[in-house]
């Protein structure tokens, strides 16, 4: 009689008596990794239930508090949907203003965020989630507002309804404020993100993803009303501690500057934290293009590259299409504290329903009063006259 054909499990047992799980073929492993990557980059799937609730990073069921338990945290919770550096800078800025940020990102990202937040900010991940809890009433606590703040194009338009119609907001309705941070659609100079890889260049696809998301934002009744603001940003730089002392509790760890292999990128990131903390708020999806005449004036008035470089970091010099992460994070914090116009005029609210935040050269972040003026009278910052500019002289070290 023919011998019984061994099954794959029996063959594996003879070859691996310790009982290790069967090794997947290389092709299957590659396909599985690709599928996992695609799933992590799909907007709605990142926040929809994909595994049993017990296995997800969600709030525990409600239990009776012991008699000696501390009073519940009364700070307003703000959902931050990322992932990205901007998400973490906003989290630190909100915490400094007395809010309780809830970072929402894939687990793989959360595992790396602790290092970026450093010793002083790792506690911000105590409330972190990989998705919205199914039953928001079970011990999670009410949420006041939500901010979409990914730097990458990972949101599909369907995620807007999923998040804004979630049942965990204070009062049982929608969020008091909903802000979507999205890039400007027509940057003057195309900047690459720190992790940009030529072989995976999907710039055209990303532009469509962002356009579809913005269109969905304008259609939803919550985000298109006074609760919603579409806050656009230019190419993002900075977000670390290398600047004035006020950035120390707000910035990411020093390692954030070294996420790119380009030393020139590292210097530019630091330059935004040192010199470009000011803000300009423009209505709609806009840039502040340098006039052609400005180029001629600067060339005629300034002698040499060093003088030009010094003039372009002098107080008040605006950016065309770039922004410091600290500036954008502060814009989000101050917009959350104000009411949107909902497409109307400023008799309805204090923040335009759609605006763009770009940097202006300044050695400190804007004050509360300055943000009031920036939001209520949006407009591009003026370009300074280089005539009479005096090159600053550095004191000699002794």
Foldseek 3Di string as FASTA:
>chain_A
DDDDDDDPVVVVCVVPVVPDDDDDDPVVVVVVVVVVVVQQQAAQSQADDDDDLVPWPAFDFADDDDPPDDDDQPAAEEEEEEDDLLSQLLLLVQVVVRHQYEYAHAPVVLVPVLQFQPPLGNVSHPRYTSYYRPDLVGRNAAHAEYEYDYPFLRHALVVVCVQQQDQRHPPRHGHQAYEYEEAFLDAPDDDDDQPDDVVPDPPVVRSVSRVNNVVSLCPDPCQLAFRHAYEYEFAEAAQAQLAPNVSPSSGTYPCVLVSHPDPVRSVVNSLCRHWWQEKAKAPARAWADDDPVQVVQLVVADDDDVRSVQVCRPFQAWDGGYAYSNNVSVLVVLVNVWIEQSCHACVRIQAYNYIYMGITTDRDHDDSVVSSVNRNPHDDGDHDRSHPDDDDDDDDDD
